[in-house]
Protein backbone atom coordinates (compact mmCIF):
# COMPACT_ATOMS: atom_id res chain seq x y z
CA MET A 1 -24.90 -81.88 -107.63
CA ALA A 2 -23.05 -78.44 -107.44
CA GLN A 3 -24.18 -76.38 -104.74
CA THR A 4 -26.06 -72.51 -106.03
CA THR A 5 -24.75 -69.77 -105.07
CA LYS A 6 -26.05 -66.09 -104.88
CA THR A 7 -24.32 -65.24 -108.21
CA TYR A 8 -24.28 -68.34 -110.33
CA GLY A 9 -26.95 -71.05 -110.96
CA GLU A 10 -26.66 -74.91 -110.64
CA TRP A 11 -23.91 -75.34 -113.59
CA PRO A 12 -20.55 -74.92 -112.88
CA LEU A 13 -17.85 -75.50 -115.85
CA LYS A 14 -16.78 -78.42 -114.57
CA ARG A 15 -20.04 -80.02 -114.24
CA LEU A 16 -21.10 -79.01 -117.70
CA MET A 17 -18.17 -80.48 -118.94
CA THR A 18 -18.78 -83.84 -117.26
CA GLU A 19 -22.46 -84.11 -117.85
CA VAL A 20 -23.16 -82.19 -121.09
CA VAL A 21 -20.60 -80.91 -123.48
CA GLY A 22 -17.18 -82.65 -122.61
CA SER A 23 -17.79 -85.81 -124.25
CA GLY A 24 -16.67 -85.33 -127.64
CA HIS A 25 -17.54 -83.66 -130.90
CA LYS A 26 -19.65 -86.88 -132.00
CA SER A 27 -21.25 -87.67 -128.65
CA ALA A 28 -21.58 -84.14 -126.69
CA ASP A 29 -25.17 -82.55 -125.88
CA ASP A 30 -26.15 -79.27 -126.35
CA MET A 31 -27.24 -76.80 -123.57
CA THR A 32 -30.16 -75.48 -122.38
CA ARG A 33 -30.16 -71.47 -122.70
CA GLU A 34 -30.13 -71.58 -118.66
CA GLN A 35 -26.69 -73.81 -118.95
CA ALA A 36 -25.35 -71.37 -121.73
CA ALA A 37 -25.99 -68.31 -119.90
CA ASP A 38 -24.96 -69.83 -116.55
CA ALA A 39 -21.82 -70.75 -118.03
CA PHE A 40 -21.15 -67.56 -119.74
CA ARG A 41 -21.78 -65.63 -116.43
CA ARG A 42 -19.19 -67.61 -114.69
CA ILE A 43 -16.62 -67.13 -117.63
CA LEU A 44 -17.08 -63.03 -117.09
CA GLY A 45 -16.77 -63.32 -113.78
CA GLY A 46 -13.44 -64.72 -114.11
CA GLU A 47 -14.34 -68.23 -111.63
CA PRO A 48 -13.13 -70.82 -113.56
CA ASP A 49 -9.85 -71.94 -113.65
CA PRO A 50 -7.54 -71.85 -116.67
CA THR A 51 -7.46 -75.62 -117.32
CA THR A 52 -11.27 -75.98 -116.88
CA LEU A 53 -12.17 -72.73 -119.07
CA GLY A 54 -9.90 -73.86 -121.88
CA ALA A 55 -11.62 -77.29 -121.69
CA PHE A 56 -15.03 -75.57 -121.88
CA TRP A 57 -13.80 -73.50 -124.90
CA LEU A 58 -12.57 -76.03 -126.65
CA ALA A 59 -15.71 -78.53 -126.26
CA ASN A 60 -18.00 -75.85 -127.65
CA ARG A 61 -15.71 -75.27 -130.55
CA TRP A 62 -15.83 -79.12 -130.90
CA LYS A 63 -19.71 -79.19 -131.10
CA ARG A 64 -20.38 -76.08 -132.67
CA ASN A 65 -22.74 -73.89 -130.73
CA THR A 66 -26.74 -74.00 -131.46
CA PRO A 67 -28.28 -70.87 -131.98
CA GLU A 68 -29.84 -70.86 -128.52
CA GLU A 69 -26.37 -71.24 -126.58
CA LEU A 70 -25.23 -68.20 -128.69
CA ALA A 71 -28.19 -66.56 -127.94
CA ALA A 72 -27.73 -67.15 -124.35
CA TYR A 73 -24.25 -66.11 -124.73
CA VAL A 74 -25.07 -62.82 -126.44
CA ASP A 75 -27.99 -61.73 -123.81
CA VAL A 76 -25.27 -62.29 -120.80
CA MET A 77 -23.16 -60.16 -122.64
CA ALA A 78 -25.55 -57.21 -123.17
CA GLU A 79 -25.57 -57.26 -119.67
CA GLY A 80 -21.83 -55.94 -119.48
CA ILE A 81 -22.59 -53.69 -122.48
CA GLU A 82 -22.62 -49.78 -122.09
CA THR A 83 -24.71 -48.63 -124.87
CA GLY A 84 -24.60 -45.08 -127.17
CA ILE A 85 -27.72 -44.96 -128.94
CA PRO A 86 -27.48 -42.26 -131.83
CA GLU A 87 -30.73 -40.29 -133.27
CA CYS A 88 -30.39 -42.15 -136.59
CA ASP A 89 -30.53 -45.86 -137.17
CA PRO A 90 -27.31 -47.13 -138.58
CA VAL A 91 -26.50 -50.41 -139.92
CA ASP A 92 -24.31 -52.14 -137.76
CA CYS A 93 -21.07 -53.84 -139.63
CA GLY A 94 -19.90 -56.68 -137.50
CA ALA A 95 -16.53 -57.42 -138.55
CA ASN A 96 -14.23 -60.27 -137.31
CA TYR A 97 -12.44 -58.66 -134.17
CA ASP A 98 -9.03 -60.20 -134.69
CA GLY A 99 -8.80 -58.78 -138.29
CA LYS A 100 -7.32 -58.89 -141.64
CA GLY A 101 -3.43 -59.49 -142.66
CA ARG A 102 -3.45 -59.33 -146.50
CA SER A 103 -5.90 -57.43 -147.79
CA ALA A 104 -6.90 -53.64 -147.55
CA LEU A 105 -9.60 -53.23 -145.27
CA LEU A 106 -12.27 -50.96 -147.12
CA GLY A 107 -15.13 -50.66 -144.63
CA VAL A 108 -14.05 -47.17 -143.65
CA ALA A 109 -14.24 -45.72 -147.02
CA ALA A 110 -17.69 -47.78 -148.07
CA GLY A 111 -18.92 -46.69 -145.03
CA LEU A 112 -18.22 -42.89 -145.68
CA VAL A 113 -19.49 -43.41 -149.14
CA ALA A 114 -23.13 -44.87 -147.64
CA ALA A 115 -23.15 -42.20 -145.18
CA ALA A 116 -23.03 -39.78 -147.68
CA ALA A 117 -25.65 -41.28 -149.85
CA GLY A 118 -27.85 -41.30 -146.30
CA THR A 119 -27.23 -44.74 -145.31
CA PRO A 120 -25.61 -43.86 -141.60
CA VAL A 121 -23.15 -46.99 -140.52
CA VAL A 122 -21.45 -47.95 -137.72
CA VAL A 123 -18.14 -50.37 -136.87
CA HIS A 124 -17.02 -51.57 -133.54
CA SER A 125 -13.76 -53.35 -133.09
CA GLY A 126 -11.11 -54.08 -129.82
CA ASP A 127 -7.36 -53.83 -130.57
CA ARG A 128 -5.04 -56.70 -131.59
CA VAL A 129 -8.13 -59.07 -130.46
CA PRO A 130 -6.96 -62.85 -130.06
CA THR A 131 -6.53 -65.28 -132.21
CA GLN A 132 -4.84 -63.36 -134.93
CA LYS A 133 -4.45 -60.00 -133.36
CA GLN A 134 -4.33 -58.28 -136.68
CA ASP A 135 -5.51 -55.10 -138.15
CA ALA A 136 -9.17 -54.15 -137.78
CA TYR A 137 -11.36 -50.83 -138.06
CA LYS A 138 -9.60 -49.35 -135.00
CA HIS A 139 -6.05 -49.33 -136.73
CA VAL A 140 -7.16 -47.90 -140.29
CA LEU A 141 -8.91 -44.77 -137.98
CA ASP A 142 -5.67 -44.41 -136.12
CA GLU A 143 -3.73 -44.13 -139.23
CA LEU A 144 -6.33 -41.79 -140.74
CA GLY A 145 -5.96 -39.51 -137.54
CA VAL A 146 -9.42 -40.71 -136.23
CA ARG A 147 -10.17 -40.28 -132.72
CA THR A 148 -11.26 -44.14 -131.65
CA ASP A 149 -11.18 -44.28 -127.80
CA LEU A 150 -14.35 -42.82 -127.32
CA SER A 151 -16.95 -43.05 -124.70
CA PRO A 152 -20.33 -45.00 -126.38
CA LYS A 153 -21.96 -41.80 -126.03
CA THR A 154 -19.51 -39.66 -127.88
CA SER A 155 -19.66 -42.70 -130.71
CA ALA A 156 -23.08 -41.99 -131.11
CA ALA A 157 -22.54 -38.39 -131.40
CA MET A 158 -19.97 -39.15 -134.33
CA THR A 159 -22.85 -41.25 -136.04
CA ASP A 160 -25.42 -38.70 -135.71
CA GLU A 161 -22.73 -35.70 -136.75
CA ILE A 162 -20.49 -37.72 -139.77
CA GLY A 163 -23.24 -40.98 -140.72
CA PHE A 164 -20.42 -42.90 -139.64
CA GLY A 165 -19.69 -44.09 -136.07
CA PHE A 166 -16.69 -45.99 -134.46
CA TYR A 167 -17.30 -47.94 -131.33
CA TYR A 168 -14.53 -49.09 -129.07
CA GLN A 169 -14.64 -52.45 -127.65
CA PRO A 170 -12.56 -51.61 -124.28
CA ASN A 171 -15.07 -48.80 -123.70
CA PHE A 172 -18.37 -50.56 -124.32
CA ALA A 173 -17.88 -54.22 -123.67
CA PRO A 174 -15.11 -54.20 -121.11
CA GLU A 175 -15.75 -57.49 -119.77
CA ILE A 176 -14.80 -59.20 -123.10
CA THR A 177 -11.96 -57.06 -123.47
CA ALA A 178 -10.95 -58.46 -120.26
CA LEU A 179 -10.84 -61.98 -121.52
CA SER A 180 -8.17 -61.52 -124.19
CA GLU A 181 -5.32 -62.89 -122.09
CA ARG A 182 -7.32 -66.19 -121.43
CA ARG A 183 -8.43 -66.04 -125.06
CA ASP A 184 -4.69 -65.85 -126.59
CA GLN A 185 -3.68 -68.51 -124.37
CA MET A 186 -6.15 -70.90 -126.38
CA GLY A 187 -4.49 -69.99 -129.19
CA VAL A 188 -7.53 -70.72 -131.66
CA ARG A 189 -11.01 -69.03 -132.24
CA THR A 190 -13.61 -69.53 -129.07
CA PHE A 191 -17.22 -68.64 -129.67
CA VAL A 192 -16.28 -65.20 -128.02
CA ASN A 193 -14.97 -64.44 -131.38
CA THR A 194 -18.50 -65.12 -133.05
CA ILE A 195 -20.57 -63.16 -130.40
CA GLU A 196 -18.61 -60.11 -130.02
CA THR A 197 -19.53 -59.15 -133.60
CA LEU A 198 -23.17 -59.17 -132.54
CA ALA A 199 -22.39 -57.00 -129.96
CA ASN A 200 -24.59 -53.83 -131.54
CA PRO A 201 -23.52 -50.87 -129.02
CA ALA A 202 -25.06 -48.58 -130.87
CA GLY A 203 -28.52 -50.48 -130.68
CA ALA A 204 -28.87 -50.59 -134.73
CA SER A 205 -31.84 -52.42 -136.37
CA VAL A 206 -29.61 -53.54 -139.12
CA HIS A 207 -26.47 -56.18 -139.03
CA LEU A 208 -24.30 -56.37 -141.86
CA GLY A 209 -21.94 -59.61 -141.34
CA SER A 210 -19.59 -61.87 -142.90
CA PHE A 211 -19.59 -65.69 -143.32
CA TYR A 212 -17.33 -68.25 -145.11
CA HIS A 213 -20.42 -70.79 -145.52
CA LEU A 214 -24.15 -70.38 -145.81
CA PRO A 215 -24.85 -72.76 -142.81
CA TYR A 216 -22.86 -70.28 -140.60
CA ALA A 217 -24.82 -67.03 -141.86
CA LYS A 218 -28.16 -69.00 -141.19
CA ARG A 219 -26.63 -69.77 -137.40
CA ILE A 220 -25.78 -65.94 -136.65
CA ILE A 221 -29.48 -65.08 -138.28
CA ASP A 222 -31.15 -67.57 -136.07
CA THR A 223 -29.08 -66.38 -132.91
CA LEU A 224 -30.21 -62.36 -133.50
CA ASP A 225 -33.71 -64.17 -133.84
CA ALA A 226 -33.45 -65.86 -130.57
CA ALA A 227 -31.48 -63.56 -128.74
CA GLU A 228 -33.66 -61.85 -125.93
CA THR A 229 -31.21 -58.59 -125.92
CA ALA A 230 -31.16 -58.38 -129.98
CA SER A 231 -33.07 -54.96 -131.56
CA ILE A 232 -32.19 -56.38 -135.20
CA ASP A 233 -35.08 -56.89 -137.40
CA ARG A 234 -32.83 -56.86 -140.46
CA VAL A 235 -29.80 -58.99 -141.25
CA VAL A 236 -27.57 -59.09 -144.32
CA MET A 237 -24.61 -61.37 -144.57
CA PHE A 238 -21.92 -61.99 -147.46
CA GLN A 239 -19.08 -64.13 -148.25
CA GLY A 240 -16.56 -61.64 -146.75
CA LEU A 241 -12.72 -61.58 -148.10
CA GLU A 242 -10.56 -62.75 -144.96
CA GLY A 243 -13.78 -63.35 -143.25
CA TYR A 244 -14.00 -59.86 -142.70
CA ASP A 245 -17.05 -57.35 -143.97
CA ASP A 246 -15.37 -56.38 -147.14
CA VAL A 247 -16.95 -58.51 -150.15
CA ARG A 248 -14.60 -60.97 -151.92
CA PRO A 249 -14.24 -60.88 -155.91
CA GLY A 250 -15.88 -63.48 -157.62
CA SER A 251 -19.21 -65.17 -157.50
CA THR A 252 -19.84 -65.02 -153.32
CA LYS A 253 -23.12 -65.42 -151.45
CA VAL A 254 -25.94 -63.41 -149.97
CA ALA A 255 -27.98 -64.43 -147.24
CA VAL A 256 -31.09 -61.47 -146.33
CA TRP A 257 -33.44 -61.67 -143.20
CA ASN A 258 -36.04 -59.32 -142.47
CA GLU A 259 -37.93 -60.07 -138.70
CA GLY A 260 -40.99 -62.76 -139.16
CA GLY A 261 -39.58 -63.84 -142.42
CA SER A 262 -37.35 -66.44 -143.94
CA ILE A 263 -34.22 -66.14 -144.91
CA ASP A 264 -33.59 -65.61 -148.78
CA ASP A 265 -30.35 -66.07 -150.09
CA PHE A 266 -28.95 -65.24 -153.40
CA ASP A 267 -25.51 -65.31 -155.35
CA ILE A 268 -23.95 -62.21 -156.74
CA GLU A 269 -21.35 -62.35 -159.48
CA THR A 270 -19.17 -59.13 -158.48
CA PRO A 271 -17.79 -58.43 -162.06
CA THR A 272 -21.09 -57.66 -163.05
CA TYR A 273 -20.28 -54.59 -160.65
CA GLY A 274 -16.94 -53.62 -162.04
CA MET A 275 -15.10 -56.23 -159.59
CA ASP A 276 -13.63 -58.13 -162.12
CA PHE A 277 -10.49 -59.29 -160.84
CA GLU A 278 -9.27 -61.70 -158.28
CA SER A 279 -9.03 -61.44 -154.51
CA GLU A 280 -5.14 -61.55 -154.71
CA ASP A 281 -5.77 -58.21 -156.39
CA LEU A 282 -6.63 -56.48 -152.95
CA GLY A 283 -3.69 -57.34 -151.18
CA VAL A 284 -1.47 -55.12 -149.31
CA GLU A 285 1.90 -55.13 -147.35
CA ASN A 286 0.57 -53.27 -144.23
CA VAL A 287 -3.14 -53.36 -143.66
CA ALA A 288 -3.56 -50.41 -141.76
CA SER A 289 -1.53 -47.98 -143.44
CA ASP A 290 -2.16 -49.01 -146.84
CA SER A 291 -5.68 -49.25 -146.45
CA ALA A 292 -5.70 -45.94 -145.24
CA ALA A 293 -3.86 -44.49 -148.14
CA ILE A 294 -6.22 -46.19 -150.13
CA THR A 295 -9.27 -44.89 -148.31
CA LYS A 296 -7.89 -41.29 -148.78
CA GLU A 297 -7.21 -41.96 -152.27
CA VAL A 298 -10.50 -43.40 -153.30
CA LEU A 299 -12.65 -41.10 -151.72
CA ALA A 300 -10.33 -38.04 -153.05
CA GLY A 301 -11.29 -39.36 -156.74
CA GLU A 302 -7.69 -40.10 -157.32
CA ARG A 303 -7.70 -43.63 -158.09
CA GLU A 304 -9.73 -45.53 -160.87
CA ASP A 305 -8.63 -49.16 -159.94
CA GLN A 306 -9.74 -52.13 -158.13
CA PHE A 307 -9.67 -50.87 -155.06
CA ALA A 308 -12.05 -47.99 -156.00
CA ASP A 309 -14.31 -50.84 -157.51
CA ALA A 310 -14.48 -52.49 -154.65
CA VAL A 311 -15.16 -49.49 -152.13
CA ALA A 312 -18.24 -48.62 -154.61
CA VAL A 313 -19.66 -52.44 -154.24
CA ASN A 314 -19.07 -52.61 -150.71
CA ALA A 315 -20.78 -48.85 -149.82
CA ALA A 316 -24.00 -50.22 -152.21
CA LEU A 317 -24.43 -53.73 -149.91
CA ARG A 318 -24.69 -51.30 -146.88
CA ILE A 319 -26.75 -49.01 -148.53
CA PHE A 320 -28.71 -51.99 -149.46
CA ALA A 321 -28.70 -53.40 -146.04
CA GLY A 322 -30.15 -50.21 -145.03
CA GLY A 323 -32.99 -50.81 -147.01
CA ASP A 324 -32.47 -47.67 -148.94
CA VAL A 325 -32.36 -49.02 -152.34
CA ASP A 326 -34.03 -52.03 -153.69
CA ASP A 327 -30.64 -53.56 -155.38
CA ILE A 328 -27.00 -54.01 -155.25
CA GLU A 329 -27.27 -52.40 -158.71
CA GLU A 330 -29.12 -49.13 -157.48
CA GLY A 331 -26.84 -48.84 -154.54
CA LEU A 332 -24.12 -48.85 -156.92
CA GLU A 333 -24.93 -46.39 -158.77
CA ILE A 334 -25.48 -44.11 -155.78
CA ALA A 335 -22.26 -44.98 -154.55
CA LYS A 336 -20.55 -43.97 -157.47
CA THR A 337 -22.37 -40.78 -157.89
CA MET A 338 -21.56 -39.70 -154.11
CA ILE A 339 -17.48 -40.42 -154.88
CA ASP A 340 -17.66 -38.43 -158.29
CA ALA A 341 -19.47 -35.73 -156.29
CA GLY A 342 -16.90 -35.47 -153.70
CA GLU A 343 -19.01 -35.76 -150.41
CA PRO A 344 -17.40 -39.00 -149.19
CA ALA A 345 -13.95 -37.11 -148.82
CA GLU A 346 -16.00 -34.20 -147.12
CA ARG A 347 -17.13 -36.89 -144.43
CA LEU A 348 -13.84 -37.80 -144.04
CA GLU A 349 -12.41 -34.58 -143.11
CA ALA A 350 -15.03 -33.93 -140.80
CA LEU A 351 -14.86 -37.48 -139.10
CA GLN A 352 -10.62 -36.70 -138.96
CA ALA A 353 -11.80 -33.27 -137.42
CA PHE A 354 -14.22 -34.55 -134.92
């Protein structure tokens, strides 16, 4: 048996590979919470050699992590997170950190509309995160001239002042950012891509996220329910465009969970809410710069096209997630009223001046 150390437990990654997770995707066993936590502490501490780390990440990908394992990873990640808690209780938007490459990123515009409606929103991302290393929230905000290299405390102040806040991963989760080079060498997504979206640096009680398939959404909800450090008591997940927190056009699934209750899921037909077009109609050539231009134009009332419709629906989802309306239709009415009144454009100006 491997010797214990003062820093770690009994489960170095090599032992986990040979005794638990490394026998292939059909015969591998799941880890206990203690084993998963020990493994991730070792990874964050830089203990495993590159070969062993790569094998462990791939084994986890083969067998698929359980909510118990993911919850252990989330709890260990939380040990190294510096939070910045605003006075308000925002909706935490956990978009895929590795970004989008084909379609407009509408979360900044939608978040500012929701903020104008009285639903504060926070977003967080890194900078060219593996594996895709594409455009994320930071890059759209940079194009808009918004400060992004903020301390968590400053991000909290931004959230309270504007109703919309950005948290920068290198500043609130430096241990996760330090894994970037090793993640890049993998060439495929790892469980880190999943758990970093659940970081919740603002300590929000509501999480809004995206998924490809309903079983994945349920796994994330079960993870947040099992994580001892999670302060989340409401989760709203939907099928996002490119896996991001922008709703895709067409028939899309939404899953809602409130602490102590079961998961409710339902379908929305986005043409009912004005998104009567295809996903390709939200395509852009340069995600960061084009999304920034679309954000300014929609909020200024200069567009009445598919992008304006999509921003309104995504704002409605944020207002609904925050519990400020009973359904998406009510949220959509409020979102459109806010845009017509020009208040989201004023919020953008305040964000740029912050």
